[in-house]
Amino acid sequence: MQRVQSRLQPLLRAMSTTSSNSSLSRYSSCEISDALLKLGLPHGGHIPDVHMLSPSASGSDVKVCAPAYTVQMVLASDKTSPKLAEHFVDTATDGSVIVIDAPAETKSAVWGGLMTAGAQARGAVGVIISGRCRDLGEHRAAQFPVFARGHSTLGQSPFTRPAAVNVPIVIAAQGDGAAGFAAVRVEPGDWVVGDEDGVVCVPKGMVDDVVKLAGKGREVDARCLEDIKAGKGVQASFKLHRGK
């Protein structure tokens, strides 16, 4: 029995990836982005091109919803940025999601299997990486949620290093279309929601308004869906229920 519980523990930990804010966790990243757009965020809180790679890259009901513990990475050649006295995983807070900003277009990883083990031991519920990870098999075996721009065989050293934790980070869009997309500022303690559609940052002062608008949006979409299934047409249903 003890061995069965030991095998199940990583799965149970990974599936329990929501924080105490159960109201926000009821909504998908898409519903939350829609609400943030209505509240005036031009990017809808969306961190583009960061996708779920673990526990699965092809669809999963796992959702991360937790306050951000932020990490700023710099190039290893950077001699001016500060150096950390402790490994950033060792200072991660229980119940947080680790959000890492790596230098743009870095081809090496900033997260690996040993970091997932350390994060789980600290009680962190997932990691969001504007950059790359490696050791996909280890993250998936541990059922630990990992969202990243991609993956690599290369580790962090000698390419990048952490320079600061629990500081505001600004995640800029990269690649095609980046020029027209606003950067996303993530403050420590902002709420981060990640699911199979992508990742959204909710400023902590906007959570209540987001929950209210997301709830209204879900109700409207439910009415649209009912009419569309009844054959009333998408355009007519949108006009009736969405007003456009």
Protein backbone atom coordinates (compact mmCIF):
# COMPACT_ATOMS: atom_id res chain seq x y z
CA MET A 1 0.00 0.00 0.00
CA GLN A 2 2.83 2.37 0.88
CA ARG A 3 4.46 1.77 -2.53
CA VAL A 4 1.16 2.53 -4.30
CA GLN A 5 0.78 5.78 -2.37
CA SER A 6 4.38 6.67 -3.23
CA ARG A 7 3.65 6.21 -6.95
CA LEU A 8 0.46 8.26 -6.73
CA GLN A 9 1.96 11.16 -4.77
CA PRO A 10 3.52 13.00 -7.77
CA LEU A 11 0.27 12.67 -9.73
CA LEU A 12 -1.87 13.95 -6.88
CA ARG A 13 0.50 16.85 -6.32
CA ALA A 14 0.49 17.80 -10.00
CA MET A 15 -3.27 17.65 -10.39
CA SER A 16 -3.72 19.86 -7.32
CA THR A 17 -2.27 22.89 -9.05
CA THR A 18 -4.71 25.57 -8.00
CA SER A 19 -4.18 27.92 -5.11
CA SER A 20 -6.65 29.20 -2.55
CA ASN A 21 -8.23 31.45 -5.21
CA SER A 22 -10.75 28.85 -6.32
CA SER A 23 -12.94 31.47 -8.04
CA LEU A 24 -10.25 32.32 -10.60
CA SER A 25 -9.33 28.69 -11.14
CA ARG A 26 -12.83 27.91 -12.41
CA TYR A 27 -12.12 29.76 -15.65
CA SER A 28 -9.97 28.87 -18.64
CA SER A 29 -7.07 30.96 -19.87
CA CYS A 30 -9.26 32.01 -22.83
CA GLU A 31 -12.10 33.21 -20.60
CA ILE A 32 -9.63 35.12 -18.46
CA SER A 33 -7.98 36.77 -21.48
CA ASP A 34 -11.41 37.88 -22.72
CA ALA A 35 -12.11 39.46 -19.34
CA LEU A 36 -8.75 41.24 -19.23
CA LEU A 37 -9.30 42.66 -22.70
CA LYS A 38 -12.58 44.14 -21.50
CA LEU A 39 -10.70 45.63 -18.55
CA GLY A 40 -8.31 47.44 -20.88
CA LEU A 41 -5.24 45.19 -21.09
CA PRO A 42 -4.38 45.29 -24.82
CA HIS A 43 -2.68 41.88 -24.68
CA GLY A 44 -5.35 40.24 -22.52
CA GLY A 45 -2.65 39.13 -20.10
CA HIS A 46 -1.52 36.51 -22.62
CA ILE A 47 2.13 35.44 -22.63
CA PRO A 48 2.48 34.33 -26.27
CA ASP A 49 4.19 31.20 -27.57
CA VAL A 50 4.54 29.56 -24.15
CA HIS A 51 2.90 26.14 -24.23
CA MET A 52 2.34 23.16 -21.96
CA LEU A 53 5.11 20.59 -22.43
CA SER A 54 4.43 18.56 -19.29
CA PRO A 55 2.54 16.53 -18.18
CA SER A 56 1.55 16.38 -21.87
CA ALA A 57 2.17 18.38 -25.01
CA SER A 58 -0.96 17.12 -26.79
CA GLY A 59 -3.78 18.06 -24.46
CA SER A 60 -4.26 17.75 -20.74
CA ASP A 61 -6.83 18.71 -18.13
CA VAL A 62 -4.06 19.98 -15.85
CA LYS A 63 -4.36 23.66 -14.96
CA VAL A 64 -1.96 25.88 -13.04
CA CYS A 65 -3.51 28.76 -11.10
CA ALA A 66 -1.24 30.30 -8.50
CA PRO A 67 0.65 33.44 -7.47
CA ALA A 68 3.88 34.11 -9.34
CA TYR A 69 7.35 33.61 -7.88
CA THR A 70 9.45 35.40 -10.48
CA VAL A 71 12.99 34.68 -11.70
CA GLN A 72 15.05 36.93 -13.97
CA MET A 73 17.72 35.16 -16.02
CA VAL A 74 20.60 36.93 -17.77
CA LEU A 75 23.35 35.82 -20.11
CA ALA A 76 26.29 34.21 -18.33
CA SER A 77 28.51 36.86 -19.91
CA ASP A 78 26.64 39.58 -17.99
CA LYS A 79 29.11 40.81 -15.35
CA THR A 80 26.99 43.69 -14.04
CA SER A 81 23.80 41.97 -12.86
CA PRO A 82 23.77 40.62 -9.29
CA LYS A 83 24.41 36.99 -8.43
CA LEU A 84 22.16 34.91 -6.16
CA ALA A 85 23.42 33.52 -2.87
CA GLU A 86 21.01 30.56 -3.10
CA HIS A 87 19.58 28.53 -5.95
CA PHE A 88 16.31 30.12 -7.02
CA VAL A 89 14.41 26.84 -6.70
CA ASP A 90 15.44 26.55 -3.06
CA THR A 91 13.74 29.86 -2.24
CA ALA A 92 10.52 29.20 -4.15
CA THR A 93 7.43 29.61 -1.99
CA ASP A 94 4.91 26.90 -1.23
CA GLY A 95 1.87 27.12 -3.51
CA SER A 96 3.53 29.41 -6.05
CA VAL A 97 4.11 28.98 -9.77
CA ILE A 98 7.69 29.78 -10.79
CA VAL A 99 7.79 32.27 -13.68
CA ILE A 100 11.16 32.56 -15.46
CA ASP A 101 12.19 35.19 -18.00
CA ALA A 102 15.24 34.05 -19.99
CA PRO A 103 17.20 36.20 -22.46
CA ALA A 104 15.37 36.38 -25.79
CA GLU A 105 15.99 33.61 -28.32
CA THR A 106 18.30 31.68 -25.95
CA LYS A 107 18.77 28.16 -27.34
CA SER A 108 19.82 26.51 -24.07
CA ALA A 109 17.44 25.42 -21.32
CA VAL A 110 16.96 27.19 -17.99
CA TRP A 111 15.02 24.36 -16.35
CA GLY A 112 15.70 20.63 -15.98
CA GLY A 113 14.59 17.51 -14.18
CA LEU A 114 16.47 18.18 -10.95
CA MET A 115 14.80 21.58 -10.72
CA THR A 116 11.39 19.94 -11.05
CA ALA A 117 12.29 17.61 -8.17
CA GLY A 118 13.37 20.59 -6.07
CA ALA A 119 10.27 22.59 -6.96
CA GLN A 120 7.97 19.74 -5.97
CA ALA A 121 9.83 19.36 -2.68
CA ARG A 122 9.26 23.08 -2.03
CA GLY A 123 5.55 22.81 -2.83
CA ALA A 124 5.65 24.87 -6.05
CA VAL A 125 2.81 23.90 -8.39
CA GLY A 126 4.42 24.46 -11.79
CA VAL A 127 6.85 26.50 -13.86
CA ILE A 128 6.23 29.01 -16.66
CA ILE A 129 9.31 29.68 -18.80
CA SER A 130 9.83 32.43 -21.33
CA GLY A 131 12.64 30.28 -22.66
CA ARG A 132 13.45 26.58 -22.93
CA CYS A 133 13.48 23.52 -20.69
CA ARG A 134 15.07 20.07 -20.99
CA ASP A 135 14.56 16.57 -19.50
CA LEU A 136 10.98 16.34 -20.75
CA GLY A 137 10.69 12.70 -19.71
CA GLU A 138 11.55 13.54 -16.11
CA HIS A 139 8.96 16.31 -15.86
CA ARG A 140 6.28 14.09 -17.36
CA ALA A 141 7.17 11.16 -15.12
CA ALA A 142 6.82 13.50 -12.14
CA GLN A 143 3.53 14.85 -13.57
CA PHE A 144 4.86 18.37 -12.99
CA PRO A 145 3.33 21.17 -15.08
CA VAL A 146 5.97 22.81 -17.30
CA PHE A 147 5.12 25.56 -19.79
CA ALA A 148 7.89 26.84 -22.09
CA ARG A 149 8.69 28.25 -25.52
CA GLY A 150 10.53 25.07 -26.45
CA HIS A 151 13.12 22.56 -25.29
CA SER A 152 16.82 21.86 -25.72
CA THR A 153 19.49 19.28 -24.91
CA LEU A 154 21.66 22.04 -23.41
CA GLY A 155 21.53 22.97 -19.74
CA GLN A 156 21.69 26.39 -18.14
CA SER A 157 25.47 26.56 -17.64
CA PRO A 158 27.55 28.04 -19.26
CA PHE A 159 24.94 30.01 -21.19
CA THR A 160 22.68 31.79 -18.69
CA ARG A 161 22.38 32.41 -14.96
CA PRO A 162 19.74 33.70 -12.54
CA ALA A 163 20.20 37.30 -11.42
CA ALA A 164 17.12 38.10 -9.31
CA VAL A 165 14.04 36.55 -7.75
CA ASN A 166 10.72 38.03 -6.70
CA VAL A 167 11.22 41.15 -8.81
CA PRO A 168 8.98 42.50 -11.57
CA ILE A 169 9.82 40.88 -14.90
CA VAL A 170 8.79 42.05 -18.36
CA ILE A 171 8.19 39.25 -20.85
CA ALA A 172 8.41 40.51 -24.42
CA ALA A 173 6.87 38.75 -27.39
CA GLN A 174 9.39 37.10 -29.70
CA GLY A 175 9.50 36.11 -33.37
CA ASP A 176 7.02 36.96 -36.11
CA GLY A 177 4.39 39.49 -35.06
CA ALA A 178 6.24 40.50 -31.92
CA ALA A 179 6.41 44.18 -32.85
CA GLY A 180 2.64 44.57 -32.62
CA PHE A 181 2.22 42.74 -29.32
CA ALA A 182 2.58 44.45 -25.95
CA ALA A 183 5.05 43.02 -23.43
CA VAL A 184 3.56 41.43 -20.31
CA ARG A 185 4.72 42.67 -16.92
CA VAL A 186 4.57 40.04 -14.18
CA GLU A 187 4.81 41.24 -10.60
CA PRO A 188 5.56 38.85 -7.73
CA GLY A 189 2.21 37.65 -6.44
CA ASP A 190 0.31 38.28 -9.67
CA TRP A 191 -1.92 35.34 -10.53
CA VAL A 192 -0.78 33.12 -13.38
CA VAL A 193 -3.13 30.70 -15.10
CA GLY A 194 -1.81 28.08 -17.49
CA ASP A 195 -3.72 25.36 -19.32
CA GLU A 196 -3.63 23.60 -22.69
CA ASP A 197 -4.56 26.85 -24.48
CA GLY A 198 -1.68 28.90 -23.05
CA VAL A 199 -0.64 31.16 -20.21
CA VAL A 200 -2.25 34.32 -18.84
CA CYS A 201 -1.06 36.72 -16.13
CA VAL A 202 -3.73 38.41 -14.01
CA PRO A 203 -2.53 41.47 -12.05
CA LYS A 204 -3.35 40.80 -8.41
CA GLY A 205 -5.42 43.97 -8.13
CA MET A 206 -7.70 42.89 -10.99
CA VAL A 207 -8.63 39.38 -9.86
CA ASP A 208 -12.10 40.19 -8.52
CA ASP A 209 -13.07 42.11 -11.65
CA VAL A 210 -11.71 39.33 -13.87
CA VAL A 211 -13.74 36.69 -12.02
CA LYS A 212 -16.91 38.77 -12.38
CA LEU A 213 -16.45 39.41 -16.11
CA ALA A 214 -15.33 35.84 -16.85
CA GLY A 215 -18.51 34.57 -15.21
CA LYS A 216 -20.67 36.85 -17.34
CA GLY A 217 -18.74 35.86 -20.46
CA ARG A 218 -19.31 32.18 -19.77
CA GLU A 219 -23.04 32.73 -19.41
CA VAL A 220 -23.18 34.62 -22.72
CA ASP A 221 -21.18 31.95 -24.53
CA ALA A 222 -23.48 29.25 -23.14
CA ARG A 223 -26.49 31.02 -24.66
CA CYS A 224 -24.63 31.43 -27.97
CA LEU A 225 -23.74 27.75 -28.01
CA GLU A 226 -27.32 26.69 -27.39
CA ASP A 227 -28.60 28.79 -30.28
CA ILE A 228 -25.78 27.76 -32.64
CA LYS A 229 -26.47 24.09 -31.97
CA ALA A 230 -30.15 24.76 -32.68
CA GLY A 231 -29.15 26.00 -36.14
CA LYS A 232 -29.69 29.74 -35.60
CA GLY A 233 -26.26 30.59 -37.03
CA VAL A 234 -23.10 32.02 -35.51
CA GLN A 235 -23.62 35.59 -36.70
CA ALA A 236 -27.22 35.79 -35.52
CA SER A 237 -26.37 34.22 -32.16
CA PHE A 238 -23.45 36.58 -31.60
CA LYS A 239 -25.59 39.59 -32.47
CA LEU A 240 -28.36 38.50 -30.12
CA HIS A 241 -26.24 37.60 -27.11
CA ARG A 242 -22.97 39.47 -27.61
CA GLY A 243 -24.46 42.51 -29.30
CA LYS A 244 -22.22 42.20 -32.35
